[in-house]
Amino acid sequence: MTESGAAPRVSCVFVCHDGAGRVLLARRGRGARDEPGTWDCGAGALEFGETFEAAVTREVGEEYGARPLAIERIGVRNVLRGDPVVTHWVAVVFAVRVLPGEVAIGEPEKFDALEWFAPDALPAPLHSQCVRSLELFAAAAGRAGTGE
């Protein structure tokens, strides 16, 4: 699908975590838009008139059935996919703390597994865009740990 001539879209990407170092990843199922079988953090398009926090809260609820306890913006990425470019997203990336016991697959047509992982024990394969989001999360966690 080409977005030739289309304006970039805004996506709120979120790395859900438990506050103790583990991250929540979902495996994309057959009904996923792209890269089925890969593990990914969550994301969703920003709707017109919606704040980032409202979009993240809505998407975390839809995808994982959970309520964010804390939302922190950790970066922004310009995501150009394809050569030539076929999709263009401006991804605003967030770290979102959730209660582990509250999460469940909220969109079974898109995801077929949901699991917690330590940063040094991530599953494979990861979605092509997930690695950069996890790097932003690790950098933000490092800054928090050093008092920056």
N, C-alpha and C. Protein backbone atom coordinates (compact mmCIF):
# COMPACT_ATOMS: atom_id res chain seq x y z
N MET A 1 0.84 -1.17 0.00
CA MET A 1 0.00 0.00 0.00
C MET A 1 0.89 1.24 0.00
N THR A 2 0.71 2.11 -0.96
CA THR A 2 1.51 3.31 -1.07
C THR A 2 0.75 4.51 -0.56
N GLU A 3 1.46 5.37 0.15
CA GLU A 3 0.87 6.61 0.64
C GLU A 3 1.41 7.77 -0.18
N SER A 4 1.75 7.53 -1.44
CA SER A 4 2.34 8.54 -2.30
C SER A 4 1.50 9.81 -2.28
N GLY A 5 2.16 10.93 -1.97
CA GLY A 5 1.47 12.21 -1.92
C GLY A 5 0.72 12.43 -0.63
N ALA A 6 0.64 11.43 0.22
CA ALA A 6 -0.08 11.56 1.49
C ALA A 6 0.82 12.21 2.53
N ALA A 7 0.19 12.88 3.47
CA ALA A 7 0.93 13.47 4.59
C ALA A 7 1.33 12.37 5.56
N PRO A 8 2.43 12.57 6.29
CA PRO A 8 2.80 11.59 7.31
C PRO A 8 1.69 11.47 8.35
N ARG A 9 1.55 10.29 8.91
CA ARG A 9 0.58 10.06 9.99
C ARG A 9 1.34 10.04 11.32
N VAL A 10 0.63 10.33 12.39
CA VAL A 10 1.23 10.34 13.73
C VAL A 10 0.80 9.09 14.47
N SER A 11 1.79 8.39 15.03
CA SER A 11 1.55 7.18 15.79
C SER A 11 2.06 7.37 17.21
N CYS A 12 1.29 6.88 18.18
CA CYS A 12 1.75 6.84 19.57
C CYS A 12 2.22 5.41 19.82
N VAL A 13 3.52 5.25 19.97
CA VAL A 13 4.14 3.94 20.23
C VAL A 13 4.36 3.85 21.73
N PHE A 14 4.08 2.69 22.31
CA PHE A 14 4.28 2.57 23.75
C PHE A 14 4.98 1.27 24.11
N VAL A 15 5.96 1.42 25.01
CA VAL A 15 6.66 0.28 25.58
C VAL A 15 6.10 0.13 26.98
N CYS A 16 5.25 -0.86 27.17
CA CYS A 16 4.69 -1.10 28.50
C CYS A 16 5.71 -1.83 29.35
N HIS A 17 5.79 -1.43 30.62
CA HIS A 17 6.74 -2.05 31.54
C HIS A 17 6.09 -2.19 32.91
N ASP A 18 6.73 -3.01 33.74
CA ASP A 18 6.18 -3.30 35.07
C ASP A 18 6.80 -2.46 36.18
N GLY A 19 7.70 -1.54 35.83
CA GLY A 19 8.37 -0.72 36.83
C GLY A 19 9.55 -1.42 37.48
N ALA A 20 9.78 -2.67 37.12
CA ALA A 20 10.88 -3.44 37.69
C ALA A 20 11.83 -3.95 36.60
N GLY A 21 11.73 -3.37 35.40
CA GLY A 21 12.67 -3.72 34.34
C GLY A 21 12.12 -4.57 33.22
N ARG A 22 11.01 -5.27 33.45
CA ARG A 22 10.46 -6.12 32.39
C ARG A 22 9.59 -5.30 31.43
N VAL A 23 9.60 -5.71 30.15
CA VAL A 23 8.76 -5.07 29.14
C VAL A 23 7.74 -6.07 28.62
N LEU A 24 6.61 -5.54 28.22
CA LEU A 24 5.52 -6.36 27.69
C LEU A 24 5.56 -6.31 26.16
N LEU A 25 5.60 -7.46 25.52
CA LEU A 25 5.59 -7.53 24.07
C LEU A 25 4.47 -8.45 23.61
N ALA A 26 3.91 -8.12 22.45
CA ALA A 26 2.85 -8.93 21.86
C ALA A 26 3.35 -9.53 20.55
N ARG A 27 2.98 -10.78 20.31
CA ARG A 27 3.34 -11.40 19.03
C ARG A 27 2.21 -11.12 18.03
N ARG A 28 2.59 -10.57 16.89
CA ARG A 28 1.62 -10.20 15.86
C ARG A 28 1.07 -11.47 15.19
N GLY A 29 -0.24 -11.55 15.14
CA GLY A 29 -0.91 -12.71 14.56
C GLY A 29 -1.18 -12.56 13.08
N ARG A 30 -1.91 -13.53 12.52
CA ARG A 30 -2.21 -13.54 11.08
C ARG A 30 -2.96 -12.30 10.62
N GLY A 31 -3.77 -11.72 11.51
CA GLY A 31 -4.57 -10.55 11.13
C GLY A 31 -3.85 -9.23 11.28
N ALA A 32 -2.59 -9.26 11.65
CA ALA A 32 -1.82 -8.02 11.82
C ALA A 32 -1.60 -7.35 10.47
N ARG A 33 -1.48 -6.01 10.50
CA ARG A 33 -1.28 -5.24 9.27
C ARG A 33 0.01 -5.62 8.56
N ASP A 34 1.07 -5.91 9.34
CA ASP A 34 2.35 -6.27 8.74
C ASP A 34 3.14 -7.16 9.69
N GLU A 35 4.13 -7.80 9.17
CA GLU A 35 5.09 -8.61 9.90
C GLU A 35 4.48 -9.59 10.91
N PRO A 36 3.51 -10.42 10.48
CA PRO A 36 2.96 -11.41 11.42
C PRO A 36 4.06 -12.35 11.91
N GLY A 37 3.90 -12.81 13.16
CA GLY A 37 4.88 -13.71 13.76
C GLY A 37 6.00 -12.99 14.48
N THR A 38 6.06 -11.68 14.38
CA THR A 38 7.10 -10.92 15.07
C THR A 38 6.56 -10.36 16.39
N TRP A 39 7.47 -10.13 17.32
CA TRP A 39 7.13 -9.55 18.62
C TRP A 39 7.26 -8.03 18.53
N ASP A 40 6.34 -7.34 19.17
CA ASP A 40 6.29 -5.89 19.04
C ASP A 40 5.76 -5.25 20.32
N CYS A 41 6.12 -3.99 20.51
CA CYS A 41 5.48 -3.20 21.55
C CYS A 41 4.20 -2.63 20.93
N GLY A 42 3.43 -1.90 21.67
CA GLY A 42 2.15 -1.42 21.18
C GLY A 42 2.24 -0.10 20.45
N ALA A 43 1.19 0.20 19.68
CA ALA A 43 1.13 1.47 18.95
C ALA A 43 -0.27 1.68 18.40
N GLY A 44 -0.56 2.93 18.14
CA GLY A 44 -1.83 3.27 17.50
C GLY A 44 -1.79 4.69 16.98
N ALA A 45 -2.61 4.95 15.99
CA ALA A 45 -2.64 6.27 15.37
C ALA A 45 -3.28 7.29 16.32
N LEU A 46 -2.72 8.48 16.31
CA LEU A 46 -3.29 9.61 17.03
C LEU A 46 -4.52 10.08 16.26
N GLU A 47 -5.64 10.21 16.95
CA GLU A 47 -6.86 10.66 16.30
C GLU A 47 -6.96 12.18 16.38
N PHE A 48 -7.67 12.77 15.43
CA PHE A 48 -7.82 14.22 15.38
C PHE A 48 -8.39 14.74 16.71
N GLY A 49 -7.74 15.77 17.26
CA GLY A 49 -8.20 16.40 18.49
C GLY A 49 -7.83 15.67 19.77
N GLU A 50 -7.07 14.59 19.67
CA GLU A 50 -6.72 13.76 20.81
C GLU A 50 -5.35 14.13 21.35
N THR A 51 -5.20 14.17 22.67
CA THR A 51 -3.88 14.39 23.26
C THR A 51 -3.08 13.10 23.15
N PHE A 52 -1.75 13.22 23.26
CA PHE A 52 -0.92 12.02 23.24
C PHE A 52 -1.31 11.07 24.36
N GLU A 53 -1.51 11.62 25.55
CA GLU A 53 -1.82 10.79 26.71
C GLU A 53 -3.15 10.06 26.54
N ALA A 54 -4.14 10.77 25.97
CA ALA A 54 -5.44 10.13 25.72
C ALA A 54 -5.30 9.01 24.70
N ALA A 55 -4.50 9.23 23.66
CA ALA A 55 -4.29 8.19 22.64
C ALA A 55 -3.61 6.97 23.25
N VAL A 56 -2.57 7.21 24.04
CA VAL A 56 -1.86 6.09 24.67
C VAL A 56 -2.79 5.34 25.62
N THR A 57 -3.55 6.06 26.42
CA THR A 57 -4.48 5.42 27.35
C THR A 57 -5.50 4.58 26.59
N ARG A 58 -6.05 5.12 25.51
CA ARG A 58 -7.04 4.39 24.70
C ARG A 58 -6.41 3.13 24.09
N GLU A 59 -5.23 3.28 23.50
CA GLU A 59 -4.59 2.16 22.82
C GLU A 59 -4.14 1.06 23.79
N VAL A 60 -3.58 1.43 24.93
CA VAL A 60 -3.19 0.43 25.93
C VAL A 60 -4.42 -0.35 26.38
N GLY A 61 -5.53 0.36 26.57
CA GLY A 61 -6.77 -0.31 26.94
C GLY A 61 -7.27 -1.25 25.86
N GLU A 62 -7.23 -0.80 24.60
CA GLU A 62 -7.70 -1.64 23.50
C GLU A 62 -6.82 -2.86 23.28
N GLU A 63 -5.50 -2.65 23.27
CA GLU A 63 -4.59 -3.74 22.94
C GLU A 63 -4.35 -4.70 24.11
N TYR A 64 -4.27 -4.15 25.33
CA TYR A 64 -3.88 -4.97 26.48
C TYR A 64 -4.89 -5.01 27.62
N GLY A 65 -6.01 -4.30 27.46
CA GLY A 65 -7.04 -4.31 28.50
C GLY A 65 -6.59 -3.69 29.81
N ALA A 66 -5.52 -2.90 29.77
CA ALA A 66 -4.94 -2.35 31.00
C ALA A 66 -5.08 -0.83 31.04
N ARG A 67 -4.92 -0.31 32.24
CA ARG A 67 -4.97 1.13 32.48
C ARG A 67 -3.56 1.58 32.81
N PRO A 68 -3.04 2.60 32.09
CA PRO A 68 -1.69 3.09 32.40
C PRO A 68 -1.62 3.69 33.80
N LEU A 69 -0.56 3.33 34.54
CA LEU A 69 -0.30 3.93 35.85
C LEU A 69 0.57 5.16 35.71
N ALA A 70 1.43 5.17 34.69
CA ALA A 70 2.32 6.29 34.41
C ALA A 70 2.64 6.29 32.93
N ILE A 71 2.68 7.48 32.33
CA ILE A 71 3.00 7.65 30.91
C ILE A 71 4.11 8.67 30.81
N GLU A 72 5.23 8.29 30.16
CA GLU A 72 6.37 9.19 29.99
C GLU A 72 6.79 9.20 28.53
N ARG A 73 6.86 10.39 27.94
CA ARG A 73 7.34 10.51 26.55
C ARG A 73 8.85 10.31 26.56
N ILE A 74 9.35 9.38 25.73
CA ILE A 74 10.78 9.06 25.74
C ILE A 74 11.47 9.32 24.41
N GLY A 75 10.73 9.74 23.39
CA GLY A 75 11.38 10.03 22.13
C GLY A 75 10.41 10.22 20.99
N VAL A 76 10.96 10.65 19.87
CA VAL A 76 10.21 10.82 18.64
C VAL A 76 11.04 10.25 17.51
N ARG A 77 10.40 9.52 16.61
CA ARG A 77 11.08 8.93 15.47
C ARG A 77 10.37 9.28 14.18
N ASN A 78 11.12 9.47 13.13
CA ASN A 78 10.59 9.65 11.79
C ASN A 78 10.73 8.30 11.10
N VAL A 79 9.62 7.61 10.88
CA VAL A 79 9.65 6.24 10.38
C VAL A 79 9.27 6.22 8.90
N LEU A 80 10.26 5.95 8.07
CA LEU A 80 10.07 5.83 6.63
C LEU A 80 10.28 4.37 6.27
N ARG A 81 9.25 3.71 5.77
CA ARG A 81 9.35 2.29 5.46
C ARG A 81 9.25 2.07 3.96
N GLY A 82 10.18 1.28 3.45
CA GLY A 82 10.21 0.93 2.04
C GLY A 82 11.20 1.77 1.27
N ASP A 83 11.62 1.24 0.12
CA ASP A 83 12.52 1.96 -0.77
C ASP A 83 12.08 1.66 -2.20
N PRO A 84 11.26 2.51 -2.79
CA PRO A 84 10.88 3.84 -2.32
C PRO A 84 9.91 3.77 -1.14
N VAL A 85 9.79 4.89 -0.43
CA VAL A 85 8.96 4.97 0.77
C VAL A 85 7.50 4.65 0.43
N VAL A 86 6.92 3.72 1.20
CA VAL A 86 5.51 3.37 1.02
C VAL A 86 4.66 3.78 2.22
N THR A 87 5.28 3.90 3.40
CA THR A 87 4.57 4.42 4.57
C THR A 87 5.48 5.40 5.29
N HIS A 88 4.87 6.43 5.86
CA HIS A 88 5.60 7.47 6.59
C HIS A 88 4.82 7.81 7.85
N TRP A 89 5.45 7.53 8.98
CA TRP A 89 4.85 7.80 10.29
C TRP A 89 5.79 8.66 11.11
N VAL A 90 5.23 9.58 11.88
CA VAL A 90 5.96 10.26 12.93
C VAL A 90 5.54 9.52 14.20
N ALA A 91 6.48 8.82 14.79
CA ALA A 91 6.19 7.98 15.96
C ALA A 91 6.65 8.70 17.23
N VAL A 92 5.69 9.02 18.08
CA VAL A 92 5.99 9.59 19.40
C VAL A 92 5.99 8.40 20.35
N VAL A 93 7.14 8.18 21.01
CA VAL A 93 7.33 6.95 21.78
C VAL A 93 7.21 7.22 23.28
N PHE A 94 6.49 6.34 23.97
CA PHE A 94 6.20 6.48 25.38
C PHE A 94 6.60 5.23 26.16
N ALA A 95 7.03 5.43 27.40
CA ALA A 95 7.17 4.35 28.37
C ALA A 95 5.90 4.39 29.21
N VAL A 96 5.25 3.25 29.36
CA VAL A 96 3.97 3.19 30.06
C VAL A 96 4.03 2.08 31.11
N ARG A 97 3.88 2.48 32.37
CA ARG A 97 3.87 1.47 33.44
C ARG A 97 2.45 0.95 33.61
N VAL A 98 2.33 -0.38 33.65
CA VAL A 98 1.05 -1.05 33.86
C VAL A 98 1.22 -2.14 34.92
N LEU A 99 0.12 -2.58 35.47
CA LEU A 99 0.15 -3.70 36.41
C LEU A 99 0.19 -5.01 35.63
N PRO A 100 1.18 -5.86 35.86
CA PRO A 100 1.27 -7.12 35.11
C PRO A 100 0.01 -7.98 35.18
N GLY A 101 -0.64 -8.01 36.32
CA GLY A 101 -1.83 -8.84 36.47
C GLY A 101 -3.05 -8.31 35.74
N GLU A 102 -2.95 -7.10 35.21
CA GLU A 102 -4.08 -6.47 34.54
C GLU A 102 -4.08 -6.70 33.02
N VAL A 103 -2.94 -7.12 32.46
CA VAL A 103 -2.84 -7.21 31.00
C VAL A 103 -3.41 -8.51 30.44
N ALA A 104 -4.00 -8.37 29.26
CA ALA A 104 -4.53 -9.51 28.52
C ALA A 104 -4.61 -9.08 27.06
N ILE A 105 -4.66 -10.04 26.17
CA ILE A 105 -4.80 -9.72 24.75
C ILE A 105 -6.17 -9.11 24.53
N GLY A 106 -6.20 -7.86 24.10
CA GLY A 106 -7.45 -7.17 23.86
C GLY A 106 -7.89 -7.21 22.41
N GLU A 107 -6.97 -7.53 21.51
CA GLU A 107 -7.28 -7.60 20.07
C GLU A 107 -6.78 -8.93 19.51
N PRO A 108 -7.50 -10.02 19.80
CA PRO A 108 -7.04 -11.35 19.38
C PRO A 108 -6.95 -11.51 17.87
N GLU A 109 -7.60 -10.64 17.12
CA GLU A 109 -7.49 -10.70 15.66
C GLU A 109 -6.13 -10.18 15.18
N LYS A 110 -5.43 -9.42 16.04
CA LYS A 110 -4.13 -8.85 15.67
C LYS A 110 -2.96 -9.52 16.39
N PHE A 111 -3.19 -10.03 17.60
CA PHE A 111 -2.11 -10.59 18.42
C PHE A 111 -2.47 -12.00 18.87
N ASP A 112 -1.46 -12.88 18.91
CA ASP A 112 -1.73 -14.25 19.36
C ASP A 112 -0.96 -14.65 20.61
N ALA A 113 -0.13 -13.74 21.14
CA ALA A 113 0.58 -14.01 22.40
C ALA A 113 0.97 -12.68 23.03
N LEU A 114 1.07 -12.70 24.34
CA LEU A 114 1.43 -11.51 25.12
C LEU A 114 2.27 -11.99 26.29
N GLU A 115 3.53 -11.48 26.37
CA GLU A 115 4.43 -11.96 27.43
C GLU A 115 5.33 -10.85 27.94
N TRP A 116 5.83 -11.05 29.17
CA TRP A 116 6.78 -10.14 29.79
C TRP A 116 8.20 -10.66 29.55
N PHE A 117 9.13 -9.73 29.26
CA PHE A 117 10.51 -10.11 28.98
C PHE A 117 11.48 -9.18 29.70
N ALA A 118 12.59 -9.76 30.16
CA ALA A 118 13.71 -8.95 30.65
C ALA A 118 14.41 -8.37 29.44
N PRO A 119 14.97 -7.16 29.55
CA PRO A 119 15.64 -6.54 28.40
C PRO A 119 16.78 -7.37 27.81
N ASP A 120 17.40 -8.22 28.60
CA ASP A 120 18.50 -9.04 28.10
C ASP A 120 18.04 -10.44 27.65
N ALA A 121 16.72 -10.64 27.57
CA ALA A 121 16.17 -11.93 27.15
C ALA A 121 14.97 -11.73 26.25
N LEU A 122 15.14 -10.90 25.23
CA LEU A 122 14.03 -10.58 24.32
C LEU A 122 13.79 -11.73 23.34
N PRO A 123 12.54 -11.88 22.89
CA PRO A 123 12.23 -12.95 21.95
C PRO A 123 12.67 -12.59 20.54
N ALA A 124 12.62 -13.57 19.66
CA ALA A 124 12.91 -13.35 18.24
C ALA A 124 11.83 -14.06 17.44
N PRO A 125 11.50 -13.53 16.30
CA PRO A 125 12.01 -12.28 15.74
C PRO A 125 11.24 -11.07 16.28
N LEU A 126 11.92 -9.94 16.35
CA LEU A 126 11.27 -8.68 16.73
C LEU A 126 10.78 -7.97 15.48
N HIS A 127 9.69 -7.24 15.60
CA HIS A 127 9.18 -6.40 14.51
C HIS A 127 10.27 -5.41 14.11
N SER A 128 10.34 -5.07 12.84
CA SER A 128 11.41 -4.20 12.35
C SER A 128 11.48 -2.85 13.05
N GLN A 129 10.38 -2.35 13.59
CA GLN A 129 10.37 -1.05 14.25
C GLN A 129 10.51 -1.15 15.77
N CYS A 130 10.44 -2.34 16.32
CA CYS A 130 10.45 -2.53 17.77
C CYS A 130 11.81 -2.23 18.39
N VAL A 131 12.87 -2.59 17.72
CA VAL A 131 14.22 -2.45 18.28
C VAL A 131 14.49 -1.00 18.66
N ARG A 132 14.17 -0.06 17.78
CA ARG A 132 14.43 1.37 18.06
C ARG A 132 13.60 1.85 19.25
N SER A 133 12.38 1.40 19.37
CA SER A 133 11.55 1.79 20.51
C SER A 133 12.12 1.24 21.82
N LEU A 134 12.60 0.00 21.78
CA LEU A 134 13.21 -0.59 22.97
C LEU A 134 14.53 0.12 23.33
N GLU A 135 15.27 0.59 22.32
CA GLU A 135 16.48 1.36 22.58
C GLU A 135 16.15 2.68 23.28
N LEU A 136 15.09 3.35 22.84
CA LEU A 136 14.66 4.59 23.50
C LEU A 136 14.25 4.31 24.94
N PHE A 137 13.55 3.18 25.15
CA PHE A 137 13.14 2.81 26.50
C PHE A 137 14.35 2.55 27.38
N ALA A 138 15.34 1.83 26.87
CA ALA A 138 16.55 1.53 27.64
C ALA A 138 17.30 2.81 27.98
N ALA A 139 17.39 3.72 27.02
CA ALA A 139 18.08 5.00 27.27
C ALA A 139 17.36 5.80 28.34
N ALA A 140 16.03 5.82 28.28
CA ALA A 140 15.24 6.56 29.29
C ALA A 140 15.41 5.92 30.66
N ALA A 141 15.42 4.60 30.71
CA ALA A 141 15.60 3.90 31.99
C ALA A 141 16.99 4.18 32.54
N GLY A 142 17.99 4.26 31.67
CA GLY A 142 19.36 4.57 32.10
C GLY A 142 19.47 5.97 32.67
N ARG A 143 18.78 6.93 32.03
CA ARG A 143 18.79 8.31 32.55
C ARG A 143 18.10 8.38 33.90
N ALA A 144 17.00 7.65 34.04
CA ALA A 144 16.28 7.66 35.32
C ALA A 144 17.14 7.07 36.42
N GLY A 145 17.92 6.04 36.08
CA GLY A 145 18.76 5.39 37.06
C GLY A 145 19.98 6.21 37.47
N THR A 146 20.34 7.20 36.62
CA THR A 146 21.52 8.02 36.94
C THR A 146 21.13 9.39 37.48
N GLY A 147 19.82 9.63 37.57
CA GLY A 147 19.36 10.90 38.12
C GLY A 147 19.45 12.06 37.12
N GLU A 148 19.66 11.76 35.84
CA GLU A 148 19.72 12.83 34.82
C GLU A 148 18.36 13.42 34.59
